[in-house]
N, C-alpha and C. Protein backbone atom coordinates (compact mmCIF):
# COMPACT_ATOMS: atom_id res chain seq x y z
N MET A 1 49.87 84.62 61.29
CA MET A 1 48.52 84.71 61.13
C MET A 1 48.05 83.35 60.46
N LYS A 2 46.99 82.86 60.89
CA LYS A 2 46.42 81.57 60.37
C LYS A 2 45.44 81.92 59.26
N VAL A 3 45.61 81.19 58.15
CA VAL A 3 44.72 81.38 56.90
C VAL A 3 44.30 79.99 56.40
N ILE A 4 43.15 79.92 55.76
CA ILE A 4 42.74 78.67 55.06
C ILE A 4 42.83 78.97 53.64
N LEU A 5 43.64 78.11 52.94
CA LEU A 5 43.87 78.27 51.55
C LEU A 5 42.58 77.86 50.80
N THR A 6 42.21 78.65 49.80
CA THR A 6 41.02 78.34 49.00
C THR A 6 41.40 77.86 47.64
N ALA A 7 42.71 77.89 47.28
CA ALA A 7 43.35 77.41 46.06
C ALA A 7 44.67 76.92 46.36
N ASP A 8 45.18 76.07 45.44
CA ASP A 8 46.59 75.52 45.64
C ASP A 8 47.59 76.76 45.46
N VAL A 9 48.57 76.85 46.39
CA VAL A 9 49.54 77.93 46.28
C VAL A 9 51.03 77.21 46.31
N ASP A 10 51.74 77.46 45.28
CA ASP A 10 53.08 76.83 45.09
C ASP A 10 53.87 77.14 46.39
N LYS A 11 54.59 76.12 46.79
CA LYS A 11 55.48 76.18 48.03
C LYS A 11 54.84 76.57 49.35
N LEU A 12 53.46 76.52 49.37
CA LEU A 12 52.79 76.82 50.65
C LEU A 12 51.88 75.69 50.91
N GLY A 13 51.01 75.21 50.09
CA GLY A 13 50.06 74.19 50.43
C GLY A 13 48.93 74.05 49.36
N LYS A 14 48.05 73.10 49.62
CA LYS A 14 46.93 72.75 48.72
C LYS A 14 45.64 73.39 49.29
N SER A 15 44.65 73.45 48.45
CA SER A 15 43.32 74.00 48.81
C SER A 15 42.79 73.29 49.95
N GLY A 16 42.16 74.05 50.94
CA GLY A 16 41.57 73.33 52.06
C GLY A 16 42.53 73.23 53.22
N GLU A 17 43.85 73.44 53.16
CA GLU A 17 44.71 73.34 54.23
C GLU A 17 44.75 74.64 55.10
N MET A 18 44.99 74.54 56.37
CA MET A 18 45.15 75.74 57.16
C MET A 18 46.73 75.89 57.36
N LYS A 19 47.16 77.14 57.13
CA LYS A 19 48.59 77.47 57.22
C LYS A 19 48.91 78.63 58.16
N ASP A 20 50.03 78.68 58.86
CA ASP A 20 50.36 79.83 59.69
C ASP A 20 51.37 80.55 58.83
N VAL A 21 51.04 81.79 58.41
CA VAL A 21 51.92 82.61 57.48
C VAL A 21 52.21 83.95 58.19
N ALA A 22 53.07 84.69 57.54
CA ALA A 22 53.39 86.03 58.09
C ALA A 22 52.17 86.92 57.75
N GLU A 23 51.87 87.84 58.75
CA GLU A 23 50.75 88.68 58.53
C GLU A 23 50.71 89.51 57.27
N GLY A 24 51.88 90.05 56.94
CA GLY A 24 52.07 90.82 55.69
C GLY A 24 51.79 90.08 54.46
N PHE A 25 52.25 88.77 54.44
CA PHE A 25 52.09 87.92 53.25
C PHE A 25 50.58 87.63 53.13
N ALA A 26 49.85 87.33 54.17
CA ALA A 26 48.43 87.15 54.16
C ALA A 26 47.66 88.38 53.73
N ARG A 27 47.91 89.47 54.33
CA ARG A 27 47.13 90.71 54.07
C ARG A 27 47.49 91.36 52.68
N ASN A 28 48.66 91.15 52.30
CA ASN A 28 49.06 91.81 51.04
C ASN A 28 49.12 90.95 49.83
N PHE A 29 49.12 89.64 49.93
CA PHE A 29 49.16 88.71 48.83
C PHE A 29 48.11 87.71 48.77
N LEU A 30 48.03 86.89 49.81
CA LEU A 30 46.98 85.76 49.80
C LEU A 30 45.57 86.18 49.76
N ILE A 31 45.22 87.09 50.70
CA ILE A 31 43.78 87.45 50.81
C ILE A 31 43.30 88.31 49.60
N PRO A 32 44.14 89.31 49.14
CA PRO A 32 43.69 90.16 48.01
C PRO A 32 43.54 89.24 46.72
N LYS A 33 44.37 88.26 46.57
CA LYS A 33 44.33 87.39 45.35
C LYS A 33 43.19 86.32 45.51
N LYS A 34 42.58 86.31 46.69
CA LYS A 34 41.42 85.36 46.90
C LYS A 34 41.90 83.89 46.89
N VAL A 35 43.15 83.65 47.30
CA VAL A 35 43.65 82.29 47.44
C VAL A 35 43.67 81.80 48.92
N ALA A 36 43.18 82.74 49.76
CA ALA A 36 43.11 82.32 51.21
C ALA A 36 42.14 83.27 51.91
N VAL A 37 41.68 82.71 53.03
CA VAL A 37 40.77 83.53 53.88
C VAL A 37 41.30 83.44 55.35
N PRO A 38 41.07 84.52 56.20
CA PRO A 38 41.52 84.36 57.52
C PRO A 38 40.80 83.23 58.24
N ALA A 39 41.60 82.55 59.10
CA ALA A 39 41.09 81.39 59.83
C ALA A 39 40.44 81.83 61.07
N ALA A 40 39.38 82.55 61.09
CA ALA A 40 38.68 83.10 62.17
C ALA A 40 37.12 82.93 62.11
N GLY A 41 36.52 82.79 63.16
CA GLY A 41 35.06 82.85 63.15
C GLY A 41 34.40 81.74 62.26
N GLY A 42 33.57 82.21 61.41
CA GLY A 42 32.77 81.25 60.50
C GLY A 42 33.62 80.52 59.58
N ALA A 43 34.68 81.09 59.07
CA ALA A 43 35.48 80.36 58.12
C ALA A 43 36.21 79.19 58.77
N TYR A 44 36.61 79.32 60.02
CA TYR A 44 37.30 78.33 60.69
C TYR A 44 36.27 77.11 61.03
N ARG A 45 35.06 77.48 61.43
CA ARG A 45 34.03 76.43 61.67
C ARG A 45 33.66 75.75 60.42
N ALA A 46 33.60 76.45 59.31
CA ALA A 46 33.25 75.82 58.06
C ALA A 46 34.35 74.97 57.58
N TRP A 47 35.59 75.31 57.87
CA TRP A 47 36.76 74.50 57.40
C TRP A 47 36.66 73.13 58.27
N GLN A 48 36.47 73.22 59.60
CA GLN A 48 36.38 71.99 60.39
C GLN A 48 35.24 71.16 59.97
N HIS A 49 34.10 71.75 59.60
CA HIS A 49 32.98 70.92 59.08
C HIS A 49 33.37 70.25 57.81
N ASP A 50 34.01 71.03 56.85
CA ASP A 50 34.38 70.44 55.61
C ASP A 50 35.28 69.34 55.76
N ILE A 51 36.29 69.33 56.75
CA ILE A 51 37.27 68.24 56.97
C ILE A 51 36.43 66.99 57.30
N ALA A 52 35.51 67.22 58.29
CA ALA A 52 34.81 66.08 58.80
C ALA A 52 33.91 65.42 57.62
N SER A 53 33.28 66.27 56.81
CA SER A 53 32.46 65.72 55.76
C SER A 53 33.28 64.98 54.70
N ARG A 54 34.49 65.55 54.39
CA ARG A 54 35.36 64.87 53.45
C ARG A 54 35.80 63.59 53.93
N GLU A 55 36.14 63.46 55.18
CA GLU A 55 36.58 62.19 55.83
C GLU A 55 35.42 61.14 55.79
N GLU A 56 34.18 61.61 56.07
CA GLU A 56 33.00 60.65 55.98
C GLU A 56 32.83 60.21 54.58
N LYS A 57 32.97 61.07 53.55
CA LYS A 57 32.73 60.65 52.15
C LYS A 57 33.84 59.73 51.80
N ARG A 58 35.11 59.97 52.17
CA ARG A 58 36.25 59.05 51.84
C ARG A 58 35.97 57.69 52.41
N GLN A 59 35.43 57.66 53.64
CA GLN A 59 35.13 56.34 54.33
C GLN A 59 34.01 55.65 53.61
N ARG A 60 32.97 56.25 53.19
CA ARG A 60 31.92 55.71 52.38
C ARG A 60 32.40 55.15 51.08
N GLU A 61 33.28 55.89 50.40
CA GLU A 61 33.87 55.46 49.13
C GLU A 61 34.64 54.22 49.28
N ARG A 62 35.36 54.17 50.43
CA ARG A 62 36.30 53.02 50.67
C ARG A 62 35.42 51.72 50.92
N GLU A 63 34.38 51.91 51.69
CA GLU A 63 33.46 50.81 51.97
C GLU A 63 32.87 50.19 50.71
N VAL A 64 32.34 51.17 49.77
CA VAL A 64 31.82 50.62 48.55
C VAL A 64 32.86 49.97 47.69
N ALA A 65 34.06 50.51 47.72
CA ALA A 65 35.20 49.96 46.94
C ALA A 65 35.51 48.52 47.52
N GLU A 66 35.51 48.36 48.81
CA GLU A 66 35.81 46.97 49.37
C GLU A 66 34.78 45.96 48.91
N ILE A 67 33.55 46.38 48.87
CA ILE A 67 32.49 45.50 48.44
C ILE A 67 32.75 45.15 46.99
N ALA A 68 33.06 46.12 46.15
CA ALA A 68 33.27 45.85 44.66
C ALA A 68 34.45 45.04 44.49
N ALA A 69 35.53 45.20 45.31
CA ALA A 69 36.76 44.46 45.25
C ALA A 69 36.51 42.98 45.56
N THR A 70 35.64 42.73 46.50
CA THR A 70 35.34 41.30 46.92
C THR A 70 34.56 40.68 45.81
N ARG A 71 33.64 41.44 45.22
CA ARG A 71 32.89 40.82 44.13
C ARG A 71 33.79 40.55 42.93
N ILE A 72 34.61 41.46 42.61
CA ILE A 72 35.54 41.34 41.46
C ILE A 72 36.40 40.16 41.55
N GLY A 73 37.06 40.01 42.83
CA GLY A 73 38.01 39.01 43.11
C GLY A 73 37.38 37.61 43.01
N SER A 74 36.04 37.49 43.24
CA SER A 74 35.45 36.19 43.23
C SER A 74 34.74 35.94 41.84
N THR A 75 34.89 36.81 40.87
CA THR A 75 34.26 36.64 39.55
C THR A 75 35.15 36.03 38.51
N THR A 76 34.59 35.12 37.78
CA THR A 76 35.22 34.50 36.66
C THR A 76 34.40 34.81 35.45
N LEU A 77 34.99 35.54 34.46
CA LEU A 77 34.34 35.83 33.21
C LEU A 77 34.67 34.82 32.10
N THR A 78 33.63 34.29 31.40
CA THR A 78 33.95 33.36 30.29
C THR A 78 33.58 34.10 29.07
N MET A 79 34.60 34.30 28.23
CA MET A 79 34.41 35.07 26.96
C MET A 79 34.35 34.09 25.84
N GLY A 80 33.28 33.90 25.08
CA GLY A 80 33.28 33.12 23.93
C GLY A 80 33.59 33.88 22.72
N VAL A 81 34.62 33.46 21.92
CA VAL A 81 34.97 34.18 20.83
C VAL A 81 35.25 33.27 19.59
N LYS A 82 35.11 33.96 18.32
CA LYS A 82 35.46 33.12 17.10
C LYS A 82 36.96 32.86 17.14
N VAL A 83 37.32 31.68 16.62
CA VAL A 83 38.71 31.28 16.65
C VAL A 83 39.15 30.75 15.26
N GLY A 84 40.24 31.19 14.90
CA GLY A 84 40.82 30.73 13.55
C GLY A 84 41.84 29.70 13.74
N GLU A 85 42.77 29.63 12.72
CA GLU A 85 43.75 28.49 12.73
C GLU A 85 44.81 28.78 13.92
N GLY A 86 45.08 27.63 14.62
CA GLY A 86 46.09 27.64 15.67
C GLY A 86 45.58 28.30 17.01
N GLY A 87 44.39 28.43 17.16
CA GLY A 87 43.86 29.14 18.37
C GLY A 87 43.94 30.54 18.38
N LYS A 88 44.14 31.19 17.22
CA LYS A 88 44.16 32.69 17.23
C LYS A 88 42.68 33.24 17.11
N LEU A 89 42.50 34.35 17.92
CA LEU A 89 41.18 34.91 17.83
C LEU A 89 40.94 35.82 16.62
N TYR A 90 39.74 35.83 16.20
CA TYR A 90 39.33 36.86 15.22
C TYR A 90 39.04 38.09 16.05
N GLY A 91 39.87 39.12 15.98
CA GLY A 91 39.78 40.32 16.79
C GLY A 91 40.53 39.98 18.11
N SER A 92 40.10 40.76 19.20
CA SER A 92 40.81 40.60 20.43
C SER A 92 39.88 41.01 21.60
N ILE A 93 40.24 40.75 22.74
CA ILE A 93 39.44 41.17 23.98
C ILE A 93 40.14 42.35 24.60
N THR A 94 39.51 43.47 24.70
CA THR A 94 40.08 44.65 25.21
C THR A 94 39.58 44.99 26.62
N ALA A 95 40.09 46.04 27.14
CA ALA A 95 39.61 46.56 28.45
C ALA A 95 38.21 46.93 28.44
N LYS A 96 37.75 47.44 27.29
CA LYS A 96 36.38 47.91 27.17
C LYS A 96 35.48 46.66 27.19
N ASP A 97 35.83 45.53 26.59
CA ASP A 97 35.06 44.30 26.61
C ASP A 97 34.97 43.75 28.04
N ILE A 98 36.05 43.82 28.80
CA ILE A 98 36.09 43.34 30.17
C ILE A 98 35.15 44.23 30.99
N ALA A 99 35.26 45.56 30.85
CA ALA A 99 34.40 46.43 31.61
C ALA A 99 32.90 46.20 31.39
N ALA A 100 32.61 45.91 29.99
CA ALA A 100 31.21 45.65 29.66
C ALA A 100 30.69 44.28 30.23
N ALA A 101 31.56 43.24 30.24
CA ALA A 101 31.20 42.01 30.84
C ALA A 101 30.98 42.13 32.33
N LEU A 102 31.82 42.96 32.99
CA LEU A 102 31.58 43.16 34.44
C LEU A 102 30.26 43.89 34.73
N ALA A 103 29.90 44.90 33.83
CA ALA A 103 28.73 45.66 33.93
C ALA A 103 27.56 44.73 33.79
N ARG A 104 27.59 43.70 32.94
CA ARG A 104 26.43 42.70 32.79
C ARG A 104 26.33 41.91 34.02
N ARG A 105 27.39 41.79 34.76
CA ARG A 105 27.29 41.11 36.12
C ARG A 105 26.87 42.03 37.21
N GLY A 106 26.67 43.30 36.95
CA GLY A 106 26.20 44.31 38.05
C GLY A 106 27.43 44.91 38.70
N ILE A 107 28.61 44.87 38.15
CA ILE A 107 29.71 45.54 38.76
C ILE A 107 30.16 46.66 37.85
N ALA A 108 29.93 47.86 38.23
CA ALA A 108 30.23 48.96 37.29
C ALA A 108 31.75 49.37 37.53
N VAL A 109 32.47 49.34 36.32
CA VAL A 109 33.92 49.62 36.31
C VAL A 109 34.19 50.40 35.12
N ASP A 110 34.97 51.47 35.25
CA ASP A 110 35.35 52.23 34.14
C ASP A 110 36.41 51.49 33.42
N ARG A 111 36.37 51.56 32.06
CA ARG A 111 37.30 50.80 31.25
C ARG A 111 38.74 51.25 31.50
N HIS A 112 38.93 52.45 31.86
CA HIS A 112 40.30 53.01 32.14
C HIS A 112 40.87 52.36 33.45
N LYS A 113 40.13 51.80 34.25
CA LYS A 113 40.62 51.23 35.49
C LYS A 113 40.99 49.73 35.31
N VAL A 114 40.75 49.12 34.11
CA VAL A 114 41.18 47.86 33.85
C VAL A 114 42.60 47.83 33.39
N GLU A 115 43.48 47.20 34.17
CA GLU A 115 44.86 47.19 33.88
C GLU A 115 45.29 46.02 32.95
N LEU A 116 45.13 46.37 31.58
CA LEU A 116 45.27 45.39 30.54
C LEU A 116 46.27 46.12 29.56
N PRO A 117 47.58 45.77 29.67
CA PRO A 117 48.48 46.49 28.79
C PRO A 117 48.29 46.25 27.29
N ASP A 118 48.10 44.95 27.00
CA ASP A 118 47.80 44.56 25.65
C ASP A 118 46.55 43.78 25.54
N PRO A 119 45.70 43.88 24.45
CA PRO A 119 44.56 43.17 24.36
C PRO A 119 44.81 41.65 24.34
N LEU A 120 43.87 40.73 24.79
CA LEU A 120 44.01 39.31 24.78
C LEU A 120 43.74 38.82 23.43
N ARG A 121 44.65 38.08 22.82
CA ARG A 121 44.55 37.61 21.47
C ARG A 121 44.72 36.12 21.27
N SER A 122 44.66 35.39 22.37
CA SER A 122 44.73 33.99 22.22
C SER A 122 43.91 33.20 23.30
N LEU A 123 43.55 31.99 23.15
CA LEU A 123 42.73 31.25 24.08
C LEU A 123 43.52 31.08 25.42
N GLY A 124 42.82 30.84 26.48
CA GLY A 124 43.48 30.54 27.78
C GLY A 124 42.77 31.24 28.89
N THR A 125 43.37 31.18 30.12
CA THR A 125 42.95 31.76 31.32
C THR A 125 43.90 32.90 31.73
N TYR A 126 43.25 34.02 31.98
CA TYR A 126 44.04 35.23 32.42
C TYR A 126 43.58 35.84 33.62
N LYS A 127 44.54 36.47 34.41
CA LYS A 127 44.10 37.33 35.55
C LYS A 127 44.44 38.78 35.16
N VAL A 128 43.35 39.54 35.31
CA VAL A 128 43.49 40.98 35.00
C VAL A 128 43.18 41.79 36.29
N ALA A 129 44.03 42.71 36.61
CA ALA A 129 43.80 43.61 37.75
C ALA A 129 42.81 44.71 37.44
N ILE A 130 41.99 45.10 38.36
CA ILE A 130 41.02 46.23 38.17
C ILE A 130 41.22 47.16 39.34
N LYS A 131 41.46 48.44 39.06
CA LYS A 131 41.82 49.47 40.09
C LYS A 131 40.35 49.95 40.59
N VAL A 132 40.02 49.70 41.88
CA VAL A 132 38.79 50.21 42.35
C VAL A 132 38.88 51.38 43.37
N TYR A 133 40.11 51.41 43.93
CA TYR A 133 40.38 52.45 44.95
C TYR A 133 41.89 52.45 45.18
N PRO A 134 42.46 53.57 45.53
CA PRO A 134 44.00 53.62 45.65
C PRO A 134 44.39 52.51 46.63
N GLY A 135 45.34 51.67 46.20
CA GLY A 135 45.87 50.59 47.02
C GLY A 135 45.05 49.33 47.06
N MET A 136 43.91 49.32 46.22
CA MET A 136 43.00 48.17 46.11
C MET A 136 42.80 47.72 44.66
N THR A 137 43.43 46.64 44.27
CA THR A 137 43.40 46.26 42.89
C THR A 137 43.09 44.72 42.90
N PRO A 138 41.90 44.27 42.98
CA PRO A 138 41.51 42.87 42.93
C PRO A 138 41.70 42.40 41.47
N GLU A 139 41.83 41.07 41.29
CA GLU A 139 42.06 40.50 39.98
C GLU A 139 40.79 39.73 39.59
N VAL A 140 40.31 39.91 38.40
CA VAL A 140 39.25 39.12 37.84
C VAL A 140 39.87 38.01 36.90
N THR A 141 39.28 36.82 36.94
CA THR A 141 39.76 35.81 36.17
C THR A 141 38.90 35.79 34.89
N ILE A 142 39.68 35.70 33.81
CA ILE A 142 39.02 35.68 32.44
C ILE A 142 39.34 34.42 31.67
N VAL A 143 38.35 33.73 31.25
CA VAL A 143 38.59 32.50 30.50
C VAL A 143 38.16 32.73 29.08
N VAL A 144 39.10 32.72 28.15
CA VAL A 144 38.84 32.90 26.76
C VAL A 144 38.73 31.56 26.06
N GLU A 145 37.58 31.24 25.55
CA GLU A 145 37.36 29.90 24.90
C GLU A 145 36.57 30.09 23.65
N PRO A 146 36.64 29.06 22.73
CA PRO A 146 35.98 29.12 21.42
C PRO A 146 34.53 29.20 21.62
N LYS A 147 33.85 30.02 20.73
CA LYS A 147 32.35 30.23 20.76
C LYS A 147 31.72 28.95 20.12
N GLY A 148 30.67 28.46 20.72
CA GLY A 148 29.95 27.37 20.13
C GLY A 148 30.46 26.12 20.32
């Protein structure tokens, strides 16, 4: 019997997948627990429509991410900071600072997507990767220089 899963089921599949299971398993376990519906009539057509709409949404997200990746890759951020003895910064530049600087340039990025293991604490030029989409991590160039 073909069923469409409405929730993740261990050792069977994830929500939204269509599976072929034994009729007794479907009628006695999956359907009464409301983790699956029979793949017939309206439920099957709704499932097909849902798959098509999810694919369209994923394609739109990828196109937006490609545009953002191009903009991030061609961006150079110049951060002016107060500097003490020997080129050491007062404070540091964190992922939050980088996300805020990108936002000022019109590129909205969540600070958790900035791949910066340790804050920047000295002058120089750095390349920092930004996760914009799975498999797409452009690098932004950050120039840390003394203020004023």
